[in-house]
């Protein structure tokens, strides 16, 4: 099941619907995104497996094997998706999702017009926090570029960020909190970015 999930799961909404409910709550195929299926026939196979699972909300070895078979077929059909594009999308989710886990906001920013109409305060706070995150990462990139020759341990800071991110893209749940350990390095690089702007 986990391998099948890794062929398509890229966002926190997906985690809520397809991963955290496993062996505790029903998982409904209607809540899964279209990217979880390559064809109507595959969707029907997944639906049959989920129907059996939902009767007891406990995955059996037989059902798990069914998901493993679907995962193998999906990987064989599109290995680039499994090994490159899905992990890259999970990395983007971890780095660019607004960090609102302990706040009373959703963190949702898409689709913007619909969210703005539904709850403009939530949308503005979430998009502001997401924007600050983008600015921080941009400043860190600028700092790394501007000081790459003078900063003795820039490669070590960058390696820490890249290696941790690469490892975390192999995990089924791309939670933004997983990269928080990288933020001290990010703050150092962002400060160097601010200094570089000041010098200009």
N, C-alpha and C. Protein backbone atom coordinates (compact mmCIF):
# COMPACT_ATOMS: atom_id res chain seq x y z
N UNK A 1 0.83 -1.20 0.00
CA UNK A 1 0.00 0.00 0.00
C UNK A 1 0.87 1.26 0.00
N UNK A 2 1.90 1.26 0.82
CA UNK A 2 2.78 2.43 0.90
C UNK A 2 3.48 2.69 -0.43
N UNK A 3 3.88 1.65 -1.10
CA UNK A 3 4.56 1.84 -2.39
C UNK A 3 3.58 2.40 -3.42
N UNK A 4 2.35 1.93 -3.41
CA UNK A 4 1.34 2.47 -4.31
C UNK A 4 1.11 3.95 -4.02
N UNK A 5 1.00 4.30 -2.75
CA UNK A 5 0.78 5.68 -2.35
C UNK A 5 1.93 6.57 -2.84
N UNK A 6 3.16 6.08 -2.77
CA UNK A 6 4.31 6.88 -3.20
C UNK A 6 4.32 7.14 -4.70
N UNK A 7 3.52 6.40 -5.47
CA UNK A 7 3.47 6.65 -6.92
C UNK A 7 2.66 7.89 -7.26
N UNK A 8 1.89 8.41 -6.30
CA UNK A 8 1.04 9.57 -6.62
C UNK A 8 0.89 10.59 -5.50
N UNK A 9 1.12 10.25 -4.24
CA UNK A 9 0.87 11.16 -3.13
C UNK A 9 1.91 12.27 -3.09
N UNK A 10 1.44 13.52 -3.16
CA UNK A 10 2.36 14.65 -3.18
C UNK A 10 1.95 15.81 -2.29
N UNK A 11 0.78 15.75 -1.66
CA UNK A 11 0.33 16.90 -0.86
C UNK A 11 -0.24 16.44 0.47
N UNK A 12 -0.40 17.40 1.38
CA UNK A 12 -0.94 17.09 2.70
C UNK A 12 -2.40 16.66 2.64
N UNK A 13 -3.16 17.16 1.67
CA UNK A 13 -4.55 16.72 1.51
C UNK A 13 -4.58 15.22 1.22
N UNK A 14 -3.65 14.78 0.37
CA UNK A 14 -3.56 13.36 0.04
C UNK A 14 -3.21 12.54 1.28
N UNK A 15 -2.33 13.07 2.11
CA UNK A 15 -1.92 12.36 3.33
C UNK A 15 -3.13 12.16 4.24
N UNK A 16 -3.92 13.22 4.40
CA UNK A 16 -5.11 13.14 5.26
C UNK A 16 -6.08 12.08 4.77
N UNK A 17 -6.29 12.02 3.46
CA UNK A 17 -7.31 11.13 2.91
C UNK A 17 -6.85 9.69 2.70
N UNK A 18 -5.57 9.51 2.37
CA UNK A 18 -5.14 8.18 1.94
C UNK A 18 -4.14 7.49 2.86
N UNK A 19 -3.49 8.24 3.74
CA UNK A 19 -2.43 7.60 4.51
C UNK A 19 -2.74 7.51 6.00
N UNK A 20 -3.08 8.63 6.62
CA UNK A 20 -3.30 8.61 8.06
C UNK A 20 -4.54 7.82 8.46
N UNK A 21 -5.45 7.62 7.53
CA UNK A 21 -6.67 6.86 7.84
C UNK A 21 -6.43 5.34 7.79
N UNK A 22 -5.32 4.92 7.22
CA UNK A 22 -5.06 3.49 7.04
C UNK A 22 -5.12 2.75 8.37
N UNK A 23 -5.87 1.67 8.38
CA UNK A 23 -6.10 0.79 9.53
C UNK A 23 -6.82 1.48 10.69
N UNK A 24 -7.45 2.62 10.41
CA UNK A 24 -8.23 3.30 11.44
C UNK A 24 -9.60 3.76 10.95
N UNK A 25 -9.66 4.26 9.71
CA UNK A 25 -10.91 4.79 9.17
C UNK A 25 -11.08 4.34 7.73
N UNK A 26 -12.30 4.45 7.21
CA UNK A 26 -12.50 4.12 5.79
C UNK A 26 -11.75 5.09 4.88
N UNK A 27 -11.32 4.59 3.75
CA UNK A 27 -10.66 5.41 2.73
C UNK A 27 -11.56 5.36 1.49
N UNK A 28 -12.04 6.52 1.07
CA UNK A 28 -13.00 6.58 -0.02
C UNK A 28 -12.32 6.99 -1.32
N UNK A 29 -12.58 6.22 -2.36
CA UNK A 29 -11.93 6.48 -3.64
C UNK A 29 -12.32 7.83 -4.21
N UNK A 30 -13.50 8.31 -3.89
CA UNK A 30 -13.95 9.61 -4.39
C UNK A 30 -13.09 10.76 -3.86
N UNK A 31 -12.42 10.54 -2.74
CA UNK A 31 -11.58 11.59 -2.14
C UNK A 31 -10.16 11.57 -2.69
N UNK A 32 -9.82 10.56 -3.47
CA UNK A 32 -8.46 10.45 -4.01
C UNK A 32 -8.36 11.24 -5.32
N UNK A 33 -7.21 11.84 -5.59
CA UNK A 33 -7.06 12.64 -6.82
C UNK A 33 -6.95 11.75 -8.06
N UNK A 34 -7.20 12.34 -9.21
CA UNK A 34 -7.14 11.60 -10.48
C UNK A 34 -5.75 11.03 -10.74
N UNK A 35 -4.70 11.68 -10.23
CA UNK A 35 -3.34 11.20 -10.49
C UNK A 35 -3.05 9.86 -9.79
N UNK A 36 -3.96 9.41 -8.93
CA UNK A 36 -3.77 8.12 -8.26
C UNK A 36 -4.08 6.95 -9.19
N UNK A 37 -4.61 7.23 -10.38
CA UNK A 37 -5.01 6.17 -11.31
C UNK A 37 -4.53 6.53 -12.71
N UNK A 38 -4.03 5.52 -13.41
CA UNK A 38 -3.59 5.74 -14.79
C UNK A 38 -4.68 5.43 -15.80
N UNK A 39 -5.72 4.74 -15.39
CA UNK A 39 -6.79 4.36 -16.32
C UNK A 39 -8.06 4.03 -15.54
N UNK A 40 -9.21 4.00 -16.23
CA UNK A 40 -10.45 3.59 -15.56
C UNK A 40 -10.37 2.16 -15.00
N UNK A 41 -9.66 1.29 -15.71
CA UNK A 41 -9.52 -0.09 -15.23
C UNK A 41 -8.72 -0.13 -13.92
N UNK A 42 -7.67 0.67 -13.84
CA UNK A 42 -6.87 0.72 -12.62
C UNK A 42 -7.70 1.32 -11.47
N UNK A 43 -8.48 2.33 -11.78
CA UNK A 43 -9.35 2.94 -10.77
C UNK A 43 -10.33 1.90 -10.22
N UNK A 44 -10.86 1.06 -11.11
CA UNK A 44 -11.81 0.01 -10.68
C UNK A 44 -11.12 -1.00 -9.78
N UNK A 45 -9.87 -1.35 -10.09
CA UNK A 45 -9.12 -2.29 -9.24
C UNK A 45 -8.88 -1.70 -7.86
N UNK A 46 -8.49 -0.42 -7.81
CA UNK A 46 -8.27 0.24 -6.53
C UNK A 46 -9.58 0.33 -5.76
N UNK A 47 -10.67 0.65 -6.46
CA UNK A 47 -11.98 0.74 -5.81
C UNK A 47 -12.37 -0.59 -5.17
N UNK A 48 -12.11 -1.68 -5.87
CA UNK A 48 -12.44 -3.01 -5.33
C UNK A 48 -11.61 -3.30 -4.07
N UNK A 49 -10.32 -2.95 -4.11
CA UNK A 49 -9.47 -3.17 -2.94
C UNK A 49 -9.91 -2.31 -1.76
N UNK A 50 -10.26 -1.06 -2.03
CA UNK A 50 -10.70 -0.17 -0.96
C UNK A 50 -12.06 -0.59 -0.40
N UNK A 51 -12.94 -1.10 -1.25
CA UNK A 51 -14.23 -1.60 -0.76
C UNK A 51 -14.02 -2.74 0.24
N UNK A 52 -13.12 -3.65 -0.10
CA UNK A 52 -12.82 -4.76 0.82
C UNK A 52 -12.18 -4.24 2.10
N UNK A 53 -11.26 -3.28 1.97
CA UNK A 53 -10.61 -2.69 3.14
C UNK A 53 -11.64 -2.01 4.05
N UNK A 54 -12.56 -1.25 3.45
CA UNK A 54 -13.51 -0.45 4.23
C UNK A 54 -14.48 -1.29 5.06
N UNK A 55 -14.62 -2.55 4.73
CA UNK A 55 -15.51 -3.40 5.53
C UNK A 55 -15.00 -3.60 6.95
N UNK A 56 -13.67 -3.65 7.09
CA UNK A 56 -13.08 -3.86 8.43
C UNK A 56 -12.13 -2.74 8.83
N UNK A 57 -11.84 -1.82 7.94
CA UNK A 57 -10.84 -0.76 8.11
C UNK A 57 -9.51 -1.32 8.63
N UNK A 58 -9.15 -2.44 8.04
CA UNK A 58 -7.86 -3.06 8.36
C UNK A 58 -7.36 -3.73 7.10
N UNK A 59 -6.17 -3.35 6.66
CA UNK A 59 -5.66 -3.90 5.41
C UNK A 59 -5.08 -5.29 5.66
N UNK A 60 -5.47 -6.22 4.83
CA UNK A 60 -5.00 -7.60 4.95
C UNK A 60 -3.77 -7.79 4.05
N UNK A 61 -2.98 -8.84 4.27
CA UNK A 61 -1.85 -9.11 3.38
C UNK A 61 -2.28 -9.28 1.93
N UNK A 62 -3.43 -9.87 1.71
CA UNK A 62 -3.94 -10.07 0.35
C UNK A 62 -4.24 -8.72 -0.32
N UNK A 63 -4.87 -7.81 0.41
CA UNK A 63 -5.16 -6.48 -0.13
C UNK A 63 -3.85 -5.71 -0.36
N UNK A 64 -2.94 -5.82 0.59
CA UNK A 64 -1.65 -5.16 0.46
C UNK A 64 -0.92 -5.64 -0.79
N UNK A 65 -1.01 -6.93 -1.06
CA UNK A 65 -0.39 -7.50 -2.26
C UNK A 65 -1.05 -6.94 -3.52
N UNK A 66 -2.36 -6.73 -3.47
CA UNK A 66 -3.06 -6.13 -4.61
C UNK A 66 -2.55 -4.72 -4.90
N UNK A 67 -2.35 -3.93 -3.85
CA UNK A 67 -1.80 -2.59 -4.03
C UNK A 67 -0.36 -2.65 -4.52
N UNK A 68 0.41 -3.63 -4.03
CA UNK A 68 1.80 -3.79 -4.48
C UNK A 68 1.85 -4.08 -5.98
N UNK A 69 0.92 -4.90 -6.46
CA UNK A 69 0.86 -5.22 -7.89
C UNK A 69 0.56 -3.97 -8.71
N UNK A 70 -0.40 -3.19 -8.26
CA UNK A 70 -0.74 -1.94 -8.97
C UNK A 70 0.45 -0.99 -8.95
N UNK A 71 1.12 -0.89 -7.80
CA UNK A 71 2.30 -0.02 -7.70
C UNK A 71 3.39 -0.45 -8.68
N UNK A 72 3.66 -1.74 -8.76
CA UNK A 72 4.69 -2.24 -9.68
C UNK A 72 4.34 -1.90 -11.12
N UNK A 73 3.08 -2.03 -11.48
CA UNK A 73 2.65 -1.72 -12.84
C UNK A 73 2.80 -0.22 -13.12
N UNK A 74 2.43 0.61 -12.17
CA UNK A 74 2.54 2.06 -12.35
C UNK A 74 4.01 2.49 -12.48
N UNK A 75 4.88 1.89 -11.68
CA UNK A 75 6.31 2.22 -11.73
C UNK A 75 6.90 1.78 -13.06
N UNK A 76 6.52 0.59 -13.52
CA UNK A 76 7.03 0.10 -14.81
C UNK A 76 6.56 0.99 -15.96
N UNK A 77 5.32 1.47 -15.88
CA UNK A 77 4.77 2.33 -16.92
C UNK A 77 5.43 3.71 -16.95
N UNK A 78 5.76 4.23 -15.77
CA UNK A 78 6.31 5.59 -15.70
C UNK A 78 7.32 5.69 -14.55
N UNK A 79 8.53 5.15 -14.75
CA UNK A 79 9.53 5.20 -13.67
C UNK A 79 9.96 6.62 -13.33
N UNK A 80 9.91 7.54 -14.30
CA UNK A 80 10.30 8.94 -14.04
C UNK A 80 9.36 9.56 -13.00
N UNK A 81 8.09 9.23 -13.10
CA UNK A 81 7.13 9.76 -12.13
C UNK A 81 7.47 9.28 -10.72
N UNK A 82 7.76 7.99 -10.59
CA UNK A 82 8.00 7.42 -9.25
C UNK A 82 9.33 7.89 -8.66
N UNK A 83 10.38 7.93 -9.50
CA UNK A 83 11.71 8.23 -8.99
C UNK A 83 12.10 9.71 -9.05
N UNK A 84 11.37 10.52 -9.84
CA UNK A 84 11.79 11.91 -10.00
C UNK A 84 10.66 12.92 -9.77
N UNK A 85 9.59 12.85 -10.57
CA UNK A 85 8.60 13.93 -10.50
C UNK A 85 7.78 13.91 -9.21
N UNK A 86 7.34 12.74 -8.77
CA UNK A 86 6.58 12.69 -7.51
C UNK A 86 7.45 13.11 -6.32
N UNK A 87 8.69 12.61 -6.19
CA UNK A 87 9.54 13.10 -5.10
C UNK A 87 9.82 14.60 -5.18
N UNK A 88 10.01 15.13 -6.39
CA UNK A 88 10.25 16.57 -6.54
C UNK A 88 9.02 17.36 -6.08
N UNK A 89 7.85 16.85 -6.42
CA UNK A 89 6.61 17.52 -5.99
C UNK A 89 6.47 17.45 -4.46
N UNK A 90 6.84 16.31 -3.87
CA UNK A 90 6.80 16.21 -2.40
C UNK A 90 7.78 17.21 -1.76
N UNK A 91 8.95 17.40 -2.37
CA UNK A 91 9.91 18.38 -1.85
C UNK A 91 9.33 19.79 -1.92
N UNK A 92 8.67 20.11 -3.02
CA UNK A 92 8.04 21.43 -3.14
C UNK A 92 6.96 21.60 -2.07
N UNK A 93 6.20 20.55 -1.81
CA UNK A 93 5.17 20.61 -0.78
C UNK A 93 5.80 20.90 0.58
N UNK A 94 6.88 20.20 0.89
CA UNK A 94 7.51 20.39 2.20
C UNK A 94 8.09 21.80 2.36
N UNK A 95 8.69 22.32 1.30
CA UNK A 95 9.37 23.60 1.42
C UNK A 95 8.46 24.81 1.24
N UNK A 96 7.40 24.68 0.45
CA UNK A 96 6.61 25.86 0.10
C UNK A 96 5.18 25.86 0.65
N UNK A 97 4.84 24.90 1.48
CA UNK A 97 3.52 24.92 2.12
C UNK A 97 3.60 25.84 3.34
N UNK A 98 2.60 26.73 3.51
CA UNK A 98 2.62 27.58 4.71
C UNK A 98 2.62 26.73 5.98
N UNK A 99 3.43 27.15 6.94
CA UNK A 99 3.53 26.38 8.19
C UNK A 99 2.51 26.89 9.19
N UNK A 100 1.36 26.23 9.22
CA UNK A 100 0.25 26.68 10.08
C UNK A 100 -0.24 25.54 10.99
N UNK A 101 0.61 24.54 11.21
CA UNK A 101 0.18 23.36 11.98
C UNK A 101 -0.37 23.72 13.35
N UNK A 102 0.19 24.72 14.00
CA UNK A 102 -0.25 25.06 15.35
C UNK A 102 -1.14 26.30 15.38
N UNK A 103 -1.55 26.77 14.20
CA UNK A 103 -2.41 27.95 14.11
C UNK A 103 -3.82 27.55 13.68
N UNK A 104 -4.73 28.47 13.83
CA UNK A 104 -6.14 28.20 13.48
C UNK A 104 -6.41 28.54 12.01
N UNK A 105 -5.46 28.23 11.13
CA UNK A 105 -5.63 28.51 9.70
C UNK A 105 -5.39 27.23 8.92
N UNK A 106 -5.98 27.18 7.72
CA UNK A 106 -5.90 25.96 6.93
C UNK A 106 -4.58 25.79 6.20
N UNK A 107 -3.97 26.90 5.76
CA UNK A 107 -2.77 26.81 4.95
C UNK A 107 -3.08 26.62 3.48
N UNK A 108 -4.36 26.56 3.12
CA UNK A 108 -4.76 26.36 1.72
C UNK A 108 -4.68 27.69 0.97
N UNK A 109 -4.06 27.66 -0.21
CA UNK A 109 -3.96 28.85 -1.04
C UNK A 109 -4.43 28.59 -2.48
N UNK A 110 -4.91 27.40 -2.74
CA UNK A 110 -5.35 27.07 -4.10
C UNK A 110 -6.66 26.33 -4.06
N UNK A 111 -7.64 26.70 -4.88
CA UNK A 111 -7.70 27.79 -5.85
C UNK A 111 -7.93 29.13 -5.15
N UNK A 112 -7.15 30.15 -5.48
CA UNK A 112 -7.16 31.39 -4.71
C UNK A 112 -8.50 32.14 -4.69
N UNK A 113 -9.15 32.29 -5.83
CA UNK A 113 -10.39 33.06 -5.86
C UNK A 113 -11.48 32.41 -5.02
N UNK A 114 -11.57 31.11 -5.12
CA UNK A 114 -12.57 30.37 -4.33
C UNK A 114 -12.29 30.49 -2.82
N UNK A 115 -11.04 30.34 -2.45
CA UNK A 115 -10.68 30.43 -1.03
C UNK A 115 -10.83 31.85 -0.50
N UNK A 116 -10.51 32.83 -1.34
CA UNK A 116 -10.66 34.23 -0.94
C UNK A 116 -12.13 34.55 -0.66
N UNK A 117 -13.01 33.99 -1.48
CA UNK A 117 -14.44 34.21 -1.29
C UNK A 117 -14.97 33.48 -0.06
N UNK A 118 -14.48 32.26 0.18
CA UNK A 118 -14.97 31.45 1.31
C UNK A 118 -14.53 32.02 2.66
N UNK A 119 -13.25 32.32 2.81
CA UNK A 119 -12.73 32.81 4.08
C UNK A 119 -11.50 33.66 3.79
N UNK A 120 -11.72 34.96 3.55
CA UNK A 120 -10.64 35.82 3.11
C UNK A 120 -9.55 35.98 4.16
N UNK A 121 -9.90 35.94 5.45
CA UNK A 121 -8.86 36.07 6.49
C UNK A 121 -7.91 34.87 6.46
N UNK A 122 -8.49 33.67 6.39
CA UNK A 122 -7.69 32.45 6.33
C UNK A 122 -6.78 32.48 5.11
N UNK A 123 -7.35 32.87 3.96
CA UNK A 123 -6.56 32.91 2.73
C UNK A 123 -5.42 33.92 2.83
N UNK A 124 -5.69 35.11 3.36
CA UNK A 124 -4.66 36.14 3.45
C UNK A 124 -3.54 35.75 4.41
N UNK A 125 -3.90 35.16 5.54
CA UNK A 125 -2.87 34.72 6.49
C UNK A 125 -2.04 33.59 5.86
N UNK A 126 -2.73 32.61 5.27
CA UNK A 126 -2.01 31.48 4.67
C UNK A 126 -1.11 31.93 3.54
N UNK A 127 -1.63 32.79 2.65
CA UNK A 127 -0.80 33.24 1.53
C UNK A 127 0.34 34.15 2.00
N UNK A 128 0.10 34.94 3.06
CA UNK A 128 1.19 35.77 3.60
C UNK A 128 2.30 34.91 4.18
N UNK A 129 1.93 33.90 4.95
CA UNK A 129 2.95 33.00 5.51
C UNK A 129 3.68 32.24 4.42
N UNK A 130 2.93 31.79 3.42
CA UNK A 130 3.56 31.11 2.28
C UNK A 130 4.50 32.04 1.54
N UNK A 131 4.08 33.31 1.35
CA UNK A 131 4.92 34.31 0.68
C UNK A 131 6.20 34.58 1.45
N UNK A 132 6.09 34.68 2.78
CA UNK A 132 7.28 34.89 3.60
C UNK A 132 8.24 33.72 3.45
N UNK A 133 7.69 32.52 3.33
CA UNK A 133 8.52 31.34 3.15
C UNK A 133 9.27 31.41 1.82
N UNK A 134 8.58 31.83 0.76
CA UNK A 134 9.21 31.97 -0.55
C UNK A 134 10.32 33.01 -0.49
N UNK A 135 10.06 34.15 0.17
CA UNK A 135 11.08 35.21 0.31
C UNK A 135 12.30 34.69 1.07
N UNK A 136 12.06 33.97 2.16
CA UNK A 136 13.17 33.43 2.96
C UNK A 136 14.03 32.48 2.13
N UNK A 137 13.40 31.61 1.38
CA UNK A 137 14.15 30.66 0.55
C UNK A 137 14.88 31.40 -0.57
N UNK A 138 14.23 32.42 -1.14
CA UNK A 138 14.89 33.23 -2.17
C UNK A 138 16.11 33.95 -1.63
N UNK A 139 16.00 34.53 -0.43
CA UNK A 139 17.14 35.21 0.19
C UNK A 139 18.27 34.22 0.48
N UNK A 140 17.90 33.01 0.91
CA UNK A 140 18.92 31.99 1.17
C UNK A 140 19.65 31.63 -0.11
N UNK A 141 18.91 31.49 -1.21
CA UNK A 141 19.55 31.21 -2.50
C UNK A 141 20.48 32.33 -2.93
N UNK A 142 20.03 33.57 -2.72
CA UNK A 142 20.87 34.73 -3.04
C UNK A 142 22.12 34.75 -2.17
N UNK A 143 21.95 34.47 -0.87
CA UNK A 143 23.10 34.46 0.03
C UNK A 143 24.11 33.40 -0.36
N UNK A 144 23.62 32.24 -0.71
CA UNK A 144 24.51 31.15 -1.13
C UNK A 144 25.27 31.55 -2.40
N UNK A 145 24.57 32.15 -3.35
CA UNK A 145 25.21 32.56 -4.60
C UNK A 145 26.22 33.68 -4.37
N UNK A 146 25.83 34.69 -3.59
CA UNK A 146 26.68 35.87 -3.40
C UNK A 146 27.94 35.56 -2.59
N UNK A 147 27.85 34.63 -1.66
CA UNK A 147 28.96 34.35 -0.76
C UNK A 147 29.61 32.99 -1.01
N UNK A 148 29.33 32.39 -2.14
CA UNK A 148 29.81 31.02 -2.38
C UNK A 148 31.33 30.88 -2.30
N UNK A 149 32.06 31.93 -2.64
CA UNK A 149 33.53 31.83 -2.62
C UNK A 149 34.12 32.21 -1.27
N UNK A 150 33.43 33.08 -0.53
CA UNK A 150 33.94 33.53 0.76
C UNK A 150 33.48 32.67 1.93
N UNK A 151 32.34 32.03 1.80
CA UNK A 151 31.76 31.28 2.92
C UNK A 151 32.39 29.88 2.97
N UNK A 152 33.13 29.63 4.04
CA UNK A 152 33.90 28.38 4.13
C UNK A 152 33.01 27.14 4.13
N UNK A 153 31.85 27.22 4.77
CA UNK A 153 31.04 26.01 4.93
C UNK A 153 29.72 26.09 4.18
N UNK A 154 29.65 26.89 3.12
CA UNK A 154 28.42 27.01 2.33
C UNK A 154 28.02 25.65 1.75
N UNK A 155 29.02 24.90 1.29
CA UNK A 155 28.71 23.59 0.71
C UNK A 155 28.15 22.64 1.76
N UNK A 156 28.61 22.77 3.00
CA UNK A 156 28.10 21.92 4.08
C UNK A 156 26.65 22.27 4.41
N UNK A 157 26.34 23.57 4.47
CA UNK A 157 24.97 24.00 4.72
C UNK A 157 24.05 23.53 3.60
N UNK A 158 24.49 23.71 2.37
CA UNK A 158 23.68 23.29 1.22
C UNK A 158 23.51 21.77 1.20
N UNK A 159 24.58 21.05 1.49
CA UNK A 159 24.51 19.58 1.51
C UNK A 159 23.52 19.10 2.57
N UNK A 160 23.53 19.73 3.74
CA UNK A 160 22.58 19.37 4.81
C UNK A 160 21.15 19.53 4.33
N UNK A 161 20.86 20.69 3.71
CA UNK A 161 19.51 20.96 3.22
C UNK A 161 19.10 19.98 2.12
N UNK A 162 19.98 19.78 1.16
CA UNK A 162 19.66 18.91 0.02
C UNK A 162 19.53 17.45 0.41
N UNK A 163 20.45 16.97 1.25
CA UNK A 163 20.39 15.56 1.65
C UNK A 163 19.15 15.26 2.49
N UNK A 164 18.83 16.14 3.41
CA UNK A 164 17.63 15.93 4.23
C UNK A 164 16.38 15.96 3.35
N UNK A 165 16.32 16.92 2.45
CA UNK A 165 15.16 17.02 1.55
C UNK A 165 15.05 15.79 0.68
N UNK A 166 16.17 15.35 0.10
CA UNK A 166 16.16 14.17 -0.77
C UNK A 166 15.67 12.94 -0.01
N UNK A 167 16.16 12.76 1.21
CA UNK A 167 15.72 11.62 2.00
C UNK A 167 14.21 11.70 2.29
N UNK A 168 13.74 12.88 2.65
CA UNK A 168 12.34 13.04 3.03
C UNK A 168 11.38 12.87 1.86
N UNK A 169 11.86 13.02 0.64
CA UNK A 169 10.98 12.79 -0.51
C UNK A 169 10.66 11.32 -0.69
N UNK A 170 11.38 10.44 0.00
CA UNK A 170 11.09 9.00 -0.09
C UNK A 170 10.02 8.58 0.92
N UNK A 171 9.64 9.50 1.81
CA UNK A 171 8.62 9.23 2.82
C UNK A 171 7.25 9.53 2.22
N UNK A 172 6.24 8.74 2.59
CA UNK A 172 4.91 8.89 2.01
C UNK A 172 4.24 10.20 2.41
N UNK A 173 4.61 10.76 3.54
CA UNK A 173 3.90 11.93 4.06
C UNK A 173 4.77 13.18 3.97
N UNK A 174 4.57 14.01 2.95
CA UNK A 174 5.41 15.21 2.78
C UNK A 174 4.97 16.35 3.70
N UNK A 175 5.22 16.20 4.98
CA UNK A 175 4.78 17.21 5.94
C UNK A 175 5.80 18.34 6.00
N UNK A 176 5.33 19.60 5.98
CA UNK A 176 6.25 20.73 6.04
C UNK A 176 7.15 20.73 7.27
N UNK A 177 6.66 20.17 8.37
CA UNK A 177 7.46 20.19 9.61
C UNK A 177 8.73 19.35 9.49
N UNK A 178 8.81 18.45 8.51
CA UNK A 178 9.99 17.61 8.37
C UNK A 178 11.24 18.39 8.00
N UNK A 179 11.09 19.55 7.37
CA UNK A 179 12.28 20.30 6.96
C UNK A 179 12.62 21.43 7.95
N UNK A 180 11.91 21.50 9.06
CA UNK A 180 12.19 22.57 10.03
C UNK A 180 13.62 22.51 10.56
N UNK A 181 14.20 21.31 10.62
CA UNK A 181 15.58 21.17 11.08
C UNK A 181 16.57 21.87 10.15
N UNK A 182 16.15 22.13 8.91
CA UNK A 182 17.02 22.81 7.95
C UNK A 182 16.99 24.33 8.13
N UNK A 183 16.05 24.83 8.89
CA UNK A 183 15.87 26.28 8.96
C UNK A 183 17.02 27.05 9.61
N UNK A 184 17.73 26.53 10.60
CA UNK A 184 18.91 27.28 11.06
C UNK A 184 19.90 27.57 9.93
N UNK A 185 20.16 26.57 9.10
CA UNK A 185 21.05 26.78 7.96
C UNK A 185 20.43 27.77 6.98
N UNK A 186 19.12 27.66 6.77
CA UNK A 186 18.42 28.56 5.87
C UNK A 186 18.48 30.01 6.39
N UNK A 187 18.34 30.19 7.71
CA UNK A 187 18.41 31.53 8.29
C UNK A 187 19.80 32.15 8.08
N UNK A 188 20.84 31.34 8.24
CA UNK A 188 22.20 31.84 8.03
C UNK A 188 22.36 32.30 6.58
N UNK A 189 21.93 31.48 5.65
CA UNK A 189 22.07 31.82 4.23
C UNK A 189 21.20 33.01 3.87
N UNK A 190 19.99 33.10 4.44
CA UNK A 190 19.11 34.24 4.16
C UNK A 190 19.72 35.53 4.71
N UNK A 191 20.34 35.47 5.88
CA UNK A 191 21.00 36.66 6.43
C UNK A 191 22.13 37.12 5.51
N UNK A 192 22.85 36.18 4.95
CA UNK A 192 23.89 36.53 3.98
C UNK A 192 23.29 37.15 2.73
N UNK A 193 22.10 36.68 2.35
CA UNK A 193 21.39 37.28 1.22
C UNK A 193 21.03 38.73 1.49
N UNK A 194 20.56 39.02 2.71
CA UNK A 194 20.23 40.39 3.09
C UNK A 194 21.48 41.26 3.07
N UNK A 195 22.61 40.73 3.57
CA UNK A 195 23.88 41.48 3.54
C UNK A 195 24.29 41.77 2.10
N UNK A 196 24.10 40.78 1.22
CA UNK A 196 24.46 40.98 -0.19
C UNK A 196 23.61 42.08 -0.82
N UNK A 197 22.32 42.11 -0.49
CA UNK A 197 21.46 43.18 -1.00
C UNK A 197 21.91 44.53 -0.46
N UNK A 198 22.26 44.59 0.84
CA UNK A 198 22.73 45.83 1.46
C UNK A 198 24.00 46.35 0.80
N UNK A 199 24.88 45.46 0.42
CA UNK A 199 26.13 45.87 -0.22
C UNK A 199 25.91 46.41 -1.62
N UNK A 200 24.84 45.95 -2.28
CA UNK A 200 24.54 46.45 -3.62
C UNK A 200 24.03 47.88 -3.54
